[in-house]
Amino acid sequence: MSPAQTKKGASRGFIIPIGGAEEKDENPVILEKFIEICGGNDARIVVIPTASRLRHTGSHYEEVFDELGAADVRSITVSSREDCEKDRVLKKIENATGVFITGGNQLRLSTIMGGTSLAKLLRKRNANGLHIGGTSAGAAIMPEHMIAGGETGPTPFKGQAILAPGLGLTNAVMIDQHFRERGRLGRLLSALAFNPFATGLGIDEDTAAFIGPDGVFEVVGSGAITVVDPANLKYSSIGEARRGEPVSLINVRLHILTSGSRFDTKTREPIIEFENAIFENA
């Protein structure tokens, strides 16, 4: 599922995957920045709580975004594929400046929303300026290829990552969340072994990548983003390995980026800015 084409003269909206468990009370820098780019006091936010089975999830984010100063916040009920075709749902997306997809189960998101008018509209509107944020499951579903599940551990092995189609807001990256907290390096590496065209983003909790229309993202939050780049991969044993066997991956690059760091997903290079830095020979 590829990103929609941008109309002439339009600019893509931001894509903001969050690693889950984002701070909402003491220092909600991620959600504050999300509201800011969506228009600040003029922001019109639609919350999609489909991934969660908890009844209060949507209303809780309504309260959080309202307290952060958004002009209008609406949680929409999307619990079936039929809901994704309803005019009242689509009209709210048409009028929004930002959409926020909550956490929960990403397979619930993909099986309810995949291929529907709602999914197509989200791609179309993001291509023409709508900002879309998502936390945990809401982050996982953003790319063309979604990591739907799998096992933990630092070493990749065949069968470790379960893949499914995502929303297709981007085909430049694959995303895994709760990254450091749940030990998902091996899972992300396993997924990238099948898809070396993409860059892997392993996003810690309370951490987000604000991916701009130029493909450059900034890290915001208290954790880090592990960038796994297989662009120059020389060898992968994923094709020969049996299920459960470890996988060899040769010439994979890795970057650890903390708050304020930036990365260009098009050139696959970190953007390094050092102020008053002094380097000495070791």
Protein backbone atom coordinates (compact mmCIF):
# COMPACT_ATOMS: atom_id res chain seq x y z
CA MET A 1 0.00 0.00 0.00
CA SER A 2 1.89 3.04 -1.27
CA PRO A 3 1.48 6.68 -0.16
CA ALA A 4 -1.02 8.77 -2.14
CA GLN A 5 0.18 11.32 -4.67
CA THR A 6 0.44 14.93 -3.56
CA LYS A 7 -1.59 17.48 -5.51
CA LYS A 8 0.29 20.21 -7.32
CA GLY A 9 1.11 23.02 -4.90
CA ALA A 10 0.29 20.94 -1.80
CA SER A 11 2.67 19.71 0.88
CA ARG A 12 2.50 16.39 2.70
CA GLY A 13 1.50 16.38 6.32
CA PHE A 14 3.76 15.14 9.09
CA ILE A 15 3.74 11.49 10.14
CA ILE A 16 4.39 11.11 13.87
CA PRO A 17 4.97 7.55 15.13
CA ILE A 18 5.28 7.37 18.94
CA GLY A 19 6.83 4.40 20.74
CA GLY A 20 3.95 4.15 23.23
CA ALA A 21 3.46 5.28 26.84
CA GLU A 22 3.92 8.94 25.90
CA GLU A 23 3.83 11.37 28.83
CA LYS A 24 0.42 13.04 29.10
CA ASP A 25 0.64 14.95 32.39
CA GLU A 26 4.00 16.04 33.78
CA ASN A 27 5.91 16.91 30.61
CA PRO A 28 3.83 16.07 27.51
CA VAL A 29 6.32 17.44 24.99
CA ILE A 30 5.34 15.00 22.24
CA LEU A 31 1.60 15.72 22.40
CA GLU A 32 2.28 19.46 22.77
CA LYS A 33 4.36 19.45 19.59
CA PHE A 34 1.69 17.40 17.80
CA ILE A 35 -0.94 20.01 18.71
CA GLU A 36 1.42 22.80 17.65
CA ILE A 37 1.99 21.48 14.12
CA CYS A 38 -1.76 20.75 13.77
CA GLY A 39 -2.56 24.42 14.33
CA GLY A 40 -2.16 25.08 18.05
CA ASN A 41 -5.24 26.83 19.39
CA ASP A 42 -6.88 26.31 15.99
CA ALA A 43 -6.14 22.57 15.85
CA ARG A 44 -9.03 20.26 14.97
CA ILE A 45 -8.09 16.78 16.12
CA VAL A 46 -9.83 13.48 15.37
CA VAL A 47 -8.93 10.56 17.65
CA ILE A 48 -9.24 7.01 16.28
CA PRO A 49 -9.26 4.58 19.26
CA THR A 50 -9.98 1.48 17.14
CA ALA A 51 -6.90 -0.47 18.29
CA SER A 52 -8.04 -0.34 21.93
CA ARG A 53 -10.87 -2.36 23.44
CA LEU A 54 -11.02 -0.01 26.45
CA ARG A 55 -14.11 2.18 26.30
CA HIS A 56 -12.48 5.23 27.83
CA THR A 57 -9.45 5.43 25.48
CA GLY A 58 -11.01 7.89 23.03
CA SER A 59 -12.54 10.12 25.69
CA HIS A 60 -9.25 10.15 27.63
CA TYR A 61 -7.34 11.53 24.63
CA GLU A 62 -10.15 14.03 24.07
CA GLU A 63 -9.51 15.37 27.57
CA VAL A 64 -5.73 15.40 27.11
CA PHE A 65 -5.80 17.30 23.80
CA ASP A 66 -8.45 19.67 25.08
CA GLU A 67 -6.27 20.54 28.09
CA LEU A 68 -3.33 21.13 25.74
CA GLY A 69 -5.32 23.81 23.95
CA ALA A 70 -6.70 22.21 20.78
CA ALA A 71 -9.75 24.06 19.43
CA ASP A 72 -11.80 20.95 18.76
CA VAL A 73 -11.21 17.28 19.62
CA ARG A 74 -13.49 14.45 18.53
CA SER A 75 -13.10 10.72 19.13
CA ILE A 76 -14.83 8.69 16.44
CA THR A 77 -16.28 5.20 16.78
CA VAL A 78 -14.69 2.89 14.24
CA SER A 79 -15.33 -0.64 15.47
CA SER A 80 -16.29 -2.32 12.19
CA ARG A 81 -15.51 -2.11 8.50
CA GLU A 82 -18.99 -0.67 7.98
CA ASP A 83 -18.05 2.26 10.24
CA CYS A 84 -15.14 3.03 7.89
CA GLU A 85 -17.59 3.73 5.06
CA LYS A 86 -19.95 6.06 6.98
CA ASP A 87 -20.22 9.66 5.80
CA ARG A 88 -20.14 11.03 9.35
CA VAL A 89 -16.74 9.38 9.92
CA LEU A 90 -15.25 10.47 6.60
CA LYS A 91 -16.53 14.03 6.98
CA LYS A 92 -14.74 14.40 10.32
CA ILE A 93 -11.47 13.32 8.71
CA GLU A 94 -12.04 15.79 5.86
CA ASN A 95 -12.42 18.66 8.36
CA ALA A 96 -9.52 17.73 10.66
CA THR A 97 -6.08 19.31 10.81
CA GLY A 98 -4.70 16.31 12.69
CA VAL A 99 -5.58 12.66 13.31
CA PHE A 100 -4.32 10.65 16.27
CA ILE A 101 -4.44 6.83 16.27
CA THR A 102 -4.26 5.30 19.73
CA GLY A 103 -2.48 2.17 20.93
CA GLY A 104 -3.83 -1.32 21.36
CA ASN A 105 -3.72 -4.13 18.81
CA GLN A 106 -2.38 -3.22 15.37
CA LEU A 107 -4.02 -6.26 13.76
CA ARG A 108 -7.36 -4.96 14.99
CA LEU A 109 -6.56 -1.70 13.21
CA SER A 110 -5.51 -3.35 9.95
CA THR A 111 -8.38 -5.84 9.77
CA ILE A 112 -11.01 -3.16 10.46
CA MET A 113 -9.54 -0.29 8.43
CA GLY A 114 -7.47 -1.94 5.70
CA GLY A 115 -8.77 -1.29 2.18
CA THR A 116 -11.69 0.86 3.33
CA SER A 117 -12.70 4.38 2.37
CA LEU A 118 -11.33 5.59 5.71
CA ALA A 119 -7.85 4.16 5.03
CA LYS A 120 -7.83 5.62 1.51
CA LEU A 121 -8.93 9.01 2.81
CA LEU A 122 -6.20 9.06 5.47
CA ARG A 123 -3.57 8.44 2.78
CA LYS A 124 -5.08 11.05 0.49
CA ARG A 125 -5.40 13.71 3.17
CA ASN A 126 -1.91 13.07 4.57
CA ALA A 127 -0.50 13.49 1.06
CA ASN A 128 -2.14 16.91 0.98
CA GLY A 129 -1.37 18.31 4.42
CA LEU A 130 -3.16 16.36 7.18
CA HIS A 131 -0.83 15.51 10.08
CA ILE A 132 -1.21 11.96 11.42
CA GLY A 133 0.17 10.81 14.75
CA GLY A 134 -0.08 7.40 16.33
CA THR A 135 1.16 5.70 19.47
CA SER A 136 2.19 2.06 19.89
CA ALA A 137 -0.17 0.12 17.57
CA GLY A 138 -1.09 3.45 15.98
CA ALA A 139 2.59 3.93 15.10
CA ALA A 140 3.13 0.37 13.86
CA ILE A 141 0.38 0.60 11.25
CA MET A 142 1.68 3.76 9.56
CA PRO A 143 4.12 2.25 7.02
CA GLU A 144 3.37 0.16 3.95
CA HIS A 145 4.72 -2.91 5.76
CA MET A 146 3.56 -3.31 9.36
CA ILE A 147 5.24 -5.36 12.07
CA ALA A 148 2.14 -7.04 13.45
CA GLY A 149 3.78 -9.12 16.17
CA GLY A 150 6.61 -11.51 16.93
CA GLU A 151 9.13 -12.52 19.56
CA THR A 152 11.66 -10.50 21.54
CA GLY A 153 15.44 -10.77 21.81
CA PRO A 154 18.56 -9.12 20.35
CA THR A 155 19.40 -11.74 17.71
CA PRO A 156 17.24 -12.02 14.58
CA PHE A 157 15.87 -15.43 13.62
CA LYS A 158 13.58 -16.64 10.90
CA GLY A 159 9.92 -16.36 11.90
CA GLN A 160 10.63 -13.82 14.62
CA ALA A 161 8.61 -11.00 13.01
CA ILE A 162 5.02 -11.27 11.82
CA LEU A 163 4.33 -8.87 8.95
CA ALA A 164 1.05 -7.52 7.59
CA PRO A 165 0.00 -4.65 5.31
CA GLY A 166 -0.08 -1.24 7.01
CA LEU A 167 -1.82 2.02 6.13
CA GLY A 168 0.82 2.97 3.57
CA LEU A 169 1.43 6.52 4.76
CA THR A 170 5.12 5.90 4.01
CA ASN A 171 7.14 3.21 2.30
CA ALA A 172 10.50 4.62 3.42
CA VAL A 173 10.52 3.12 6.93
CA MET A 174 9.38 0.16 9.01
CA ILE A 175 8.46 0.88 12.62
CA ASP A 176 8.69 -1.07 15.86
CA GLN A 177 7.58 0.43 19.17
CA HIS A 178 8.20 -0.07 22.92
CA PHE A 179 11.61 -0.81 21.43
CA ARG A 180 14.16 -0.74 24.23
CA GLU A 181 11.63 -1.62 26.92
CA ARG A 182 10.60 -4.88 25.21
CA GLY A 183 13.89 -5.85 23.59
CA ARG A 184 12.77 -5.76 19.96
CA LEU A 185 16.07 -5.29 18.08
CA GLY A 186 16.04 -8.85 16.74
CA ARG A 187 12.43 -8.50 15.62
CA LEU A 188 13.14 -5.33 13.66
CA LEU A 189 16.26 -6.85 12.08
CA SER A 190 14.26 -9.94 11.12
CA ALA A 191 11.60 -7.79 9.45
CA LEU A 192 14.21 -5.75 7.57
CA ALA A 193 15.88 -8.93 6.31
CA PHE A 194 12.76 -9.41 4.17
CA ASN A 195 12.54 -5.70 3.27
CA PRO A 196 16.05 -4.18 2.91
CA PHE A 197 14.67 -1.27 0.88
CA ALA A 198 13.23 0.31 4.05
CA THR A 199 14.94 1.95 7.03
CA GLY A 200 14.01 0.51 10.42
CA LEU A 201 12.94 2.81 13.26
CA GLY A 202 12.95 1.23 16.71
CA ILE A 203 11.15 3.80 18.86
CA ASP A 204 11.40 3.79 22.67
CA GLU A 205 8.47 4.65 24.90
CA ASP A 206 7.74 8.37 25.38
CA THR A 207 9.68 9.04 22.19
CA ALA A 208 8.50 10.09 18.74
CA ALA A 209 9.78 10.67 15.22
CA PHE A 210 8.29 13.82 13.67
CA ILE A 211 8.69 12.90 10.00
CA GLY A 212 8.29 15.98 7.83
CA PRO A 213 7.20 16.27 4.19
CA ASP A 214 10.88 16.36 3.13
CA GLY A 215 11.51 12.93 4.68
CA VAL A 216 13.60 14.36 7.53
CA PHE A 217 12.53 13.43 11.05
CA GLU A 218 13.35 14.93 14.43
CA VAL A 219 13.47 12.88 17.62
CA VAL A 220 11.28 14.23 20.43
CA GLY A 221 10.86 12.73 23.89
CA SER A 222 12.74 11.15 26.77
CA GLY A 223 14.04 8.01 25.05
CA ALA A 224 15.86 7.23 21.81
CA ILE A 225 15.21 5.96 18.31
CA THR A 226 17.36 3.13 17.02
CA VAL A 227 17.78 3.58 13.26
CA VAL A 228 18.64 0.33 11.45
CA ASP A 229 19.76 0.92 7.86
CA PRO A 230 20.12 -2.14 5.58
CA ALA A 231 20.67 -0.09 2.39
CA ASN A 232 24.18 -1.50 1.91
CA LEU A 233 23.33 -5.01 3.06
CA LYS A 234 25.84 -7.42 1.47
CA TYR A 235 24.41 -10.72 2.64
CA SER A 236 21.34 -12.12 4.37
CA SER A 237 20.74 -15.78 5.20
CA ILE A 238 16.97 -15.29 5.67
CA GLY A 239 16.25 -17.24 2.46
CA GLU A 240 18.21 -20.33 3.56
CA ALA A 241 17.50 -20.33 7.31
CA ARG A 242 14.93 -22.69 8.77
CA ARG A 243 12.20 -21.39 11.03
CA GLY A 244 13.67 -20.56 14.43
CA GLU A 245 17.28 -20.45 13.19
CA PRO A 246 19.35 -17.26 13.67
CA VAL A 247 19.86 -15.09 10.61
CA SER A 248 23.14 -13.61 9.34
CA LEU A 249 23.01 -9.98 8.23
CA ILE A 250 26.24 -8.43 6.96
CA ASN A 251 26.92 -4.70 6.58
CA VAL A 252 23.93 -3.23 8.40
CA ARG A 253 24.35 0.31 9.78
CA LEU A 254 22.91 1.37 13.14
CA HIS A 255 22.41 4.81 14.70
CA ILE A 256 21.11 5.74 18.15
CA LEU A 257 19.37 9.12 18.07
CA THR A 258 18.14 11.04 21.11
CA SER A 259 15.92 14.10 21.49
CA GLY A 260 16.80 16.87 19.06
CA SER A 261 18.63 14.56 16.66
CA ARG A 262 17.53 14.45 13.03
CA PHE A 263 17.70 11.88 10.25
CA ASP A 264 17.05 12.09 6.51
CA THR A 265 15.10 9.03 5.36
CA LYS A 266 15.83 9.84 1.71
CA THR A 267 19.62 10.03 1.95
CA ARG A 268 19.63 7.61 4.93
CA GLU A 269 22.04 9.88 6.78
CA PRO A 270 21.84 11.48 10.23
CA ILE A 271 21.97 15.27 10.22
CA ILE A 272 24.73 16.12 12.67
CA GLU A 273 24.91 19.57 14.19
CA PHE A 274 27.47 20.24 16.89
CA GLU A 275 27.54 23.62 18.61
CA ASN A 276 30.84 24.71 20.19
CA ALA A 277 32.07 21.12 20.01
CA ILE A 278 35.79 20.44 20.49
CA PHE A 279 37.35 17.28 19.08
CA GLU A 280 40.78 16.06 20.11
CA ASN A 281 42.86 13.21 18.78
CA ALA A 282 42.71 10.19 21.02
